[in-house]
Every structure is written in C-alpha cells, then in structure tokens.
Amino acid sequence: MWQDLLTGFSIYLVIEGMIPFAGPNLFRQSVVRIGQMDDTSLRMTGLLVASIGLIMLYVVR
C-alpha cells in the first residue's frame, strides 16, 4: 500500500514539475489567473479536479 501511495505521489511531482519546465511563461500567467479567482470558483475547480481524479482512480483500480 505505501509503495502505491509513494508511486502515485512521485508521478504527481514529476507532472507538476514538467508544467513550469515546459512553459514557464504560461505557468506564470496561469498562477496569476488563479490568484485572481474568487474563493468559490477556486473551491469548485478544486472539487471538480479531485472528483475527476477519484473517478479515474476508481476506473483504473
């Protein structure tokens, strides 16, 4: 179980690191846009992304 959790977290870190590496200007603009979002929109976006992740995990597992 711990190996699976650490594997998933490692993949997450690789993907998160690739985004600013591949397009630093686009990443910077995205961070500014996220900073301008209101709390409700940011929470709904987080809920949507987490829900998609859970559904994908259920389908894969």
PDB file of N, CA and C in Angstrom:
ATOM      1  N   MET A   1       0.814  -1.195   0.000  1.00  0.00           N
ATOM      2  CA  MET A   1       0.000   0.000   0.000  1.00  0.00           C
ATOM      3  C   MET A   1       0.862   1.265   0.000  1.00  0.00           C
ATOM      4  N   TRP A   2       1.875   1.318   0.874  1.00  0.00           N
ATOM      5  CA  TRP A   2       2.725   2.509   0.935  1.00  0.00           C
ATOM      6  C   TRP A   2       3.480   2.707  -0.364  1.00  0.00           C
ATOM      7  N   GLN A   3       3.872   1.602  -0.983  1.00  0.00           N
ATOM      8  CA  GLN A   3       4.596   1.710  -2.248  1.00  0.00           C
ATOM      9  C   GLN A   3       3.705   2.332  -3.321  1.00  0.00           C
ATOM     10  N   ASP A   4       2.433   1.931  -3.366  1.00  0.00           N
ATOM     11  CA  ASP A   4       1.500   2.507  -4.334  1.00  0.00           C
ATOM     12  C   ASP A   4       1.285   3.989  -4.067  1.00  0.00           C
ATOM     13  N   LEU A   5       1.137   4.348  -2.803  1.00  0.00           N
ATOM     14  CA  LEU A   5       0.929   5.749  -2.436  1.00  0.00           C
ATOM     15  C   LEU A   5       2.140   6.602  -2.827  1.00  0.00           C
ATOM     16  N   LEU A   6       3.315   6.122  -2.522  1.00  0.00           N
ATOM     17  CA  LEU A   6       4.527   6.869  -2.869  1.00  0.00           C
ATOM     18  C   LEU A   6       4.752   6.919  -4.380  1.00  0.00           C
ATOM     19  N   THR A   7       4.375   5.856  -5.077  1.00  0.00           N
ATOM     20  CA  THR A   7       4.466   5.862  -6.545  1.00  0.00           C
ATOM     21  C   THR A   7       3.550   6.924  -7.134  1.00  0.00           C
ATOM     22  N   GLY A   8       2.317   6.964  -6.654  1.00  0.00           N
ATOM     23  CA  GLY A   8       1.370   7.971  -7.129  1.00  0.00           C
ATOM     24  C   GLY A   8       1.844   9.385  -6.832  1.00  0.00           C
ATOM     25  N   PHE A   9       2.358   9.603  -5.641  1.00  0.00           N
ATOM     26  CA  PHE A   9       2.848  10.923  -5.264  1.00  0.00           C
ATOM     27  C   PHE A   9       4.064  11.305  -6.106  1.00  0.00           C
ATOM     28  N   SER A  10       4.920  10.347  -6.393  1.00  0.00           N
ATOM     29  CA  SER A  10       6.092  10.608  -7.231  1.00  0.00           C
ATOM     30  C   SER A  10       5.686  11.015  -8.643  1.00  0.00           C
ATOM     31  N   ILE A  11       4.709  10.321  -9.192  1.00  0.00           N
ATOM     32  CA  ILE A  11       4.212  10.669 -10.528  1.00  0.00           C
ATOM     33  C   ILE A  11       3.609  12.072 -10.514  1.00  0.00           C
ATOM     34  N   TYR A  12       2.872  12.390  -9.457  1.00  0.00           N
ATOM     35  CA  TYR A  12       2.297  13.729  -9.308  1.00  0.00           C
ATOM     36  C   TYR A  12       3.395  14.790  -9.326  1.00  0.00           C
ATOM     37  N   LEU A  13       4.469  14.559  -8.582  1.00  0.00           N
ATOM     38  CA  LEU A  13       5.558  15.533  -8.528  1.00  0.00           C
ATOM     39  C   LEU A  13       6.241  15.693  -9.883  1.00  0.00           C
ATOM     40  N   VAL A  14       6.412  14.589 -10.606  1.00  0.00           N
ATOM     41  CA  VAL A  14       7.018  14.665 -11.938  1.00  0.00           C
ATOM     42  C   VAL A  14       6.154  15.516 -12.854  1.00  0.00           C
ATOM     43  N   ILE A  15       4.852  15.274 -12.862  1.00  0.00           N
ATOM     44  CA  ILE A  15       3.945  16.029 -13.725  1.00  0.00           C
ATOM     45  C   ILE A  15       3.919  17.500 -13.327  1.00  0.00           C
ATOM     46  N   GLU A  16       3.839  17.767 -12.021  1.00  0.00           N
ATOM     47  CA  GLU A  16       3.821  19.151 -11.552  1.00  0.00           C
ATOM     48  C   GLU A  16       5.122  19.872 -11.895  1.00  0.00           C
ATOM     49  N   GLY A  17       6.222  19.171 -11.900  1.00  0.00           N
ATOM     50  CA  GLY A  17       7.496  19.793 -12.252  1.00  0.00           C
ATOM     51  C   GLY A  17       7.639  20.036 -13.745  1.00  0.00           C
ATOM     52  N   MET A  18       7.010  19.190 -14.549  1.00  0.00           N
ATOM     53  CA  MET A  18       7.103  19.339 -16.001  1.00  0.00           C
ATOM     54  C   MET A  18       6.367  20.572 -16.503  1.00  0.00           C
ATOM     55  N   ILE A  19       5.295  20.943 -15.836  1.00  0.00           N
ATOM     56  CA  ILE A  19       4.475  22.065 -16.305  1.00  0.00           C
ATOM     57  C   ILE A  19       5.269  23.372 -16.342  1.00  0.00           C
ATOM     58  N   PRO A  20       5.896  23.818 -15.233  1.00  0.00           N
ATOM     59  CA  PRO A  20       6.675  25.054 -15.324  1.00  0.00           C
ATOM     60  C   PRO A  20       7.951  24.898 -16.153  1.00  0.00           C
ATOM     61  N   PHE A  21       8.494  23.677 -16.214  1.00  0.00           N
ATOM     62  CA  PHE A  21       9.690  23.456 -17.021  1.00  0.00           C
ATOM     63  C   PHE A  21       9.384  23.622 -18.511  1.00  0.00           C
ATOM     64  N   ALA A  22       8.255  23.074 -18.953  1.00  0.00           N
ATOM     65  CA  ALA A  22       7.898  23.101 -20.373  1.00  0.00           C
ATOM     66  C   ALA A  22       7.442  24.476 -20.842  1.00  0.00           C
ATOM     67  N   GLY A  23       6.742  25.197 -19.990  1.00  0.00           N
ATOM     68  CA  GLY A  23       6.226  26.507 -20.399  1.00  0.00           C
ATOM     69  C   GLY A  23       6.196  27.491 -19.246  1.00  0.00           C
ATOM     70  N   PRO A  24       7.347  28.047 -18.884  1.00  0.00           N
ATOM     71  CA  PRO A  24       7.388  28.910 -17.706  1.00  0.00           C
ATOM     72  C   PRO A  24       6.493  30.159 -17.817  1.00  0.00           C
ATOM     73  N   ASN A  25       6.406  30.735 -19.005  1.00  0.00           N
ATOM     74  CA  ASN A  25       5.562  31.936 -19.149  1.00  0.00           C
ATOM     75  C   ASN A  25       4.083  31.601 -18.999  1.00  0.00           C
ATOM     76  N   LEU A  26       3.656  30.521 -19.615  1.00  0.00           N
ATOM     77  CA  LEU A  26       2.261  30.089 -19.495  1.00  0.00           C
ATOM     78  C   LEU A  26       1.942  29.709 -18.051  1.00  0.00           C
ATOM     79  N   PHE A  27       2.877  29.048 -17.388  1.00  0.00           N
ATOM     80  CA  PHE A  27       2.695  28.674 -15.990  1.00  0.00           C
ATOM     81  C   PHE A  27       2.541  29.929 -15.123  1.00  0.00           C
ATOM     82  N   ARG A  28       3.393  30.914 -15.340  1.00  0.00           N
ATOM     83  CA  ARG A  28       3.343  32.156 -14.569  1.00  0.00           C
ATOM     84  C   ARG A  28       1.993  32.873 -14.784  1.00  0.00           C
ATOM     85  N   GLN A  29       1.531  32.921 -16.030  1.00  0.00           N
ATOM     86  CA  GLN A  29       0.243  33.545 -16.330  1.00  0.00           C
ATOM     87  C   GLN A  29      -0.896  32.787 -15.657  1.00  0.00           C
ATOM     88  N   SER A  30      -0.815  31.472 -15.647  1.00  0.00           N
ATOM     89  CA  SER A  30      -1.852  30.660 -15.009  1.00  0.00           C
ATOM     90  C   SER A  30      -1.898  30.909 -13.504  1.00  0.00           C
ATOM     91  N   VAL A  31      -0.729  31.020 -12.886  1.00  0.00           N
ATOM     92  CA  VAL A  31      -0.677  31.281 -11.449  1.00  0.00           C
ATOM     93  C   VAL A  31      -1.290  32.642 -11.133  1.00  0.00           C
ATOM     94  N   VAL A  32      -1.042  33.638 -11.973  1.00  0.00           N
ATOM     95  CA  VAL A  32      -1.633  34.965 -11.767  1.00  0.00           C
ATOM     96  C   VAL A  32      -3.152  34.877 -11.885  1.00  0.00           C
ATOM     97  N   ARG A  33      -3.646  34.157 -12.906  1.00  0.00           N
ATOM     98  CA  ARG A  33      -5.095  33.998 -13.081  1.00  0.00           C
ATOM     99  C   ARG A  33      -5.727  33.278 -11.899  1.00  0.00           C
ATOM    100  N   ILE A  34      -5.051  32.252 -11.403  1.00  0.00           N
ATOM    101  CA  ILE A  34      -5.572  31.522 -10.244  1.00  0.00           C
ATOM    102  C   ILE A  34      -5.625  32.448  -9.036  1.00  0.00           C
ATOM    103  N   GLY A  35      -4.617  33.288  -8.880  1.00  0.00           N
ATOM    104  CA  GLY A  35      -4.586  34.238  -7.773  1.00  0.00           C
ATOM    105  C   GLY A  35      -5.713  35.256  -7.829  1.00  0.00           C
ATOM    106  N   GLN A  36      -6.266  35.480  -9.003  1.00  0.00           N
ATOM    107  CA  GLN A  36      -7.347  36.451  -9.174  1.00  0.00           C
ATOM    108  C   GLN A  36      -8.737  35.819  -9.034  1.00  0.00           C
ATOM    109  N   MET A  37      -8.796  34.504  -8.948  1.00  0.00           N
ATOM    110  CA  MET A  37     -10.092  33.826  -8.832  1.00  0.00           C
ATOM    111  C   MET A  37     -10.674  34.045  -7.438  1.00  0.00           C
ATOM    112  N   ASP A  38     -11.992  34.132  -7.374  1.00  0.00           N
ATOM    113  CA  ASP A  38     -12.638  34.239  -6.063  1.00  0.00           C
ATOM    114  C   ASP A  38     -12.640  32.867  -5.392  1.00  0.00           C
ATOM    115  N   ASP A  39     -12.851  32.856  -4.080  1.00  0.00           N
ATOM    116  CA  ASP A  39     -12.759  31.627  -3.299  1.00  0.00           C
ATOM    117  C   ASP A  39     -13.720  30.549  -3.779  1.00  0.00           C
ATOM    118  N   THR A  40     -14.941  30.931  -4.117  1.00  0.00           N
ATOM    119  CA  THR A  40     -15.937  29.951  -4.545  1.00  0.00           C
ATOM    120  C   THR A  40     -15.512  29.264  -5.837  1.00  0.00           C
ATOM    121  N   SER A  41     -15.046  30.021  -6.802  1.00  0.00           N
ATOM    122  CA  SER A  41     -14.603  29.439  -8.071  1.00  0.00           C
ATOM    123  C   SER A  41     -13.405  28.525  -7.863  1.00  0.00           C
ATOM    124  N   LEU A  42     -12.490  28.948  -7.010  1.00  0.00           N
ATOM    125  CA  LEU A  42     -11.308  28.143  -6.737  1.00  0.00           C
ATOM    126  C   LEU A  42     -11.688  26.839  -6.044  1.00  0.00           C
ATOM    127  N   ARG A  43     -12.611  26.910  -5.097  1.00  0.00           N
ATOM    128  CA  ARG A  43     -13.073  25.696  -4.411  1.00  0.00           C
ATOM    129  C   ARG A  43     -13.786  24.757  -5.373  1.00  0.00           C
ATOM    130  N   MET A  44     -14.628  25.295  -6.238  1.00  0.00           N
ATOM    131  CA  MET A  44     -15.356  24.457  -7.193  1.00  0.00           C
ATOM    132  C   MET A  44     -14.392  23.800  -8.180  1.00  0.00           C
ATOM    133  N   THR A  45     -13.374  24.534  -8.602  1.00  0.00           N
ATOM    134  CA  THR A  45     -12.371  23.963  -9.502  1.00  0.00           C
ATOM    135  C   THR A  45     -11.629  22.835  -8.803  1.00  0.00           C
ATOM    136  N   GLY A  46     -11.243  23.055  -7.548  1.00  0.00           N
ATOM    137  CA  GLY A  46     -10.568  22.015  -6.777  1.00  0.00           C
ATOM    138  C   GLY A  46     -11.441  20.790  -6.585  1.00  0.00           C
ATOM    139  N   LEU A  47     -12.717  21.008  -6.296  1.00  0.00           N
ATOM    140  CA  LEU A  47     -13.657  19.895  -6.138  1.00  0.00           C
ATOM    141  C   LEU A  47     -13.811  19.122  -7.441  1.00  0.00           C
ATOM    142  N   LEU A  48     -13.902  19.824  -8.551  1.00  0.00           N
ATOM    143  CA  LEU A  48     -14.043  19.184  -9.852  1.00  0.00           C
ATOM    144  C   LEU A  48     -12.811  18.334 -10.178  1.00  0.00           C
ATOM    145  N   VAL A  49     -11.633  18.905  -9.986  1.00  0.00           N
ATOM    146  CA  VAL A  49     -10.398  18.171 -10.286  1.00  0.00           C
ATOM    147  C   VAL A  49     -10.257  16.955  -9.370  1.00  0.00           C
ATOM    148  N   ALA A  50     -10.536  17.115  -8.082  1.00  0.00           N
ATOM    149  CA  ALA A  50     -10.458  15.990  -7.151  1.00  0.00           C
ATOM    150  C   ALA A  50     -11.469  14.908  -7.516  1.00  0.00           C
ATOM    151  N   SER A  51     -12.672  15.304  -7.921  1.00  0.00           N
ATOM    152  CA  SER A  51     -13.698  14.331  -8.317  1.00  0.00           C
ATOM    153  C   SER A  51     -13.276  13.557  -9.554  1.00  0.00           C
ATOM    154  N   ILE A  52     -12.726  14.240 -10.527  1.00  0.00           N
ATOM    155  CA  ILE A  52     -12.239  13.569 -11.734  1.00  0.00           C
ATOM    156  C   ILE A  52     -11.134  12.582 -11.362  1.00  0.00           C
ATOM    157  N   GLY A  53     -10.240  12.989 -10.476  1.00  0.00           N
ATOM    158  CA  GLY A  53      -9.175  12.106 -10.029  1.00  0.00           C
ATOM    159  C   GLY A  53      -9.705  10.866  -9.333  1.00  0.00           C
ATOM    160  N   LEU A  54     -10.707  11.032  -8.475  1.00  0.00           N
ATOM    161  CA  LEU A  54     -11.301   9.886  -7.786  1.00  0.00           C
ATOM    162  C   LEU A  54     -11.987   8.936  -8.758  1.00  0.00           C
ATOM    163  N   ILE A  55     -12.690   9.492  -9.737  1.00  0.00           N
ATOM    164  CA  ILE A  55     -13.354   8.656 -10.736  1.00  0.00           C
ATOM    165  C   ILE A  55     -12.321   7.886 -11.554  1.00  0.00           C
ATOM    166  N   MET A  56     -11.263   8.566 -11.962  1.00  0.00           N
ATOM    167  CA  MET A  56     -10.201   7.892 -12.713  1.00  0.00           C
ATOM    168  C   MET A  56      -9.554   6.787 -11.876  1.00  0.00           C
ATOM    169  N   LEU A  57      -9.310   7.058 -10.610  1.00  0.00           N
ATOM    170  CA  LEU A  57      -8.717   6.052  -9.734  1.00  0.00           C
ATOM    171  C   LEU A  57      -9.636   4.847  -9.588  1.00  0.00           C
ATOM    172  N   TYR A  58     -10.933   5.096  -9.453  1.00  0.00           N
ATOM    173  CA  TYR A  58     -11.903   4.002  -9.350  1.00  0.00           C
ATOM    174  C   TYR A  58     -11.907   3.153 -10.625  1.00  0.00           C
ATOM    175  N   VAL A  59     -11.874   3.799 -11.774  1.00  0.00           N
ATOM    176  CA  VAL A  59     -11.901   3.075 -13.052  1.00  0.00           C
ATOM    177  C   VAL A  59     -10.620   2.259 -13.241  1.00  0.00           C
ATOM    178  N   VAL A  60      -9.482   2.853 -12.901  1.00  0.00           N
ATOM    179  CA  VAL A  60      -8.202   2.174 -13.091  1.00  0.00           C
ATOM    180  C   VAL A  60      -8.046   1.018 -12.109  1.00  0.00           C
ATOM    181  N   ARG A  61      -8.470   1.218 -10.885  1.00  0.00           N
ATOM    182  CA  ARG A  61      -8.311   0.190  -9.850  1.00  0.00           C
ATOM    183  C   ARG A  61      -9.477  -0.763  -9.875  1.00  0.00           C
TER     184      ARG A  61
END
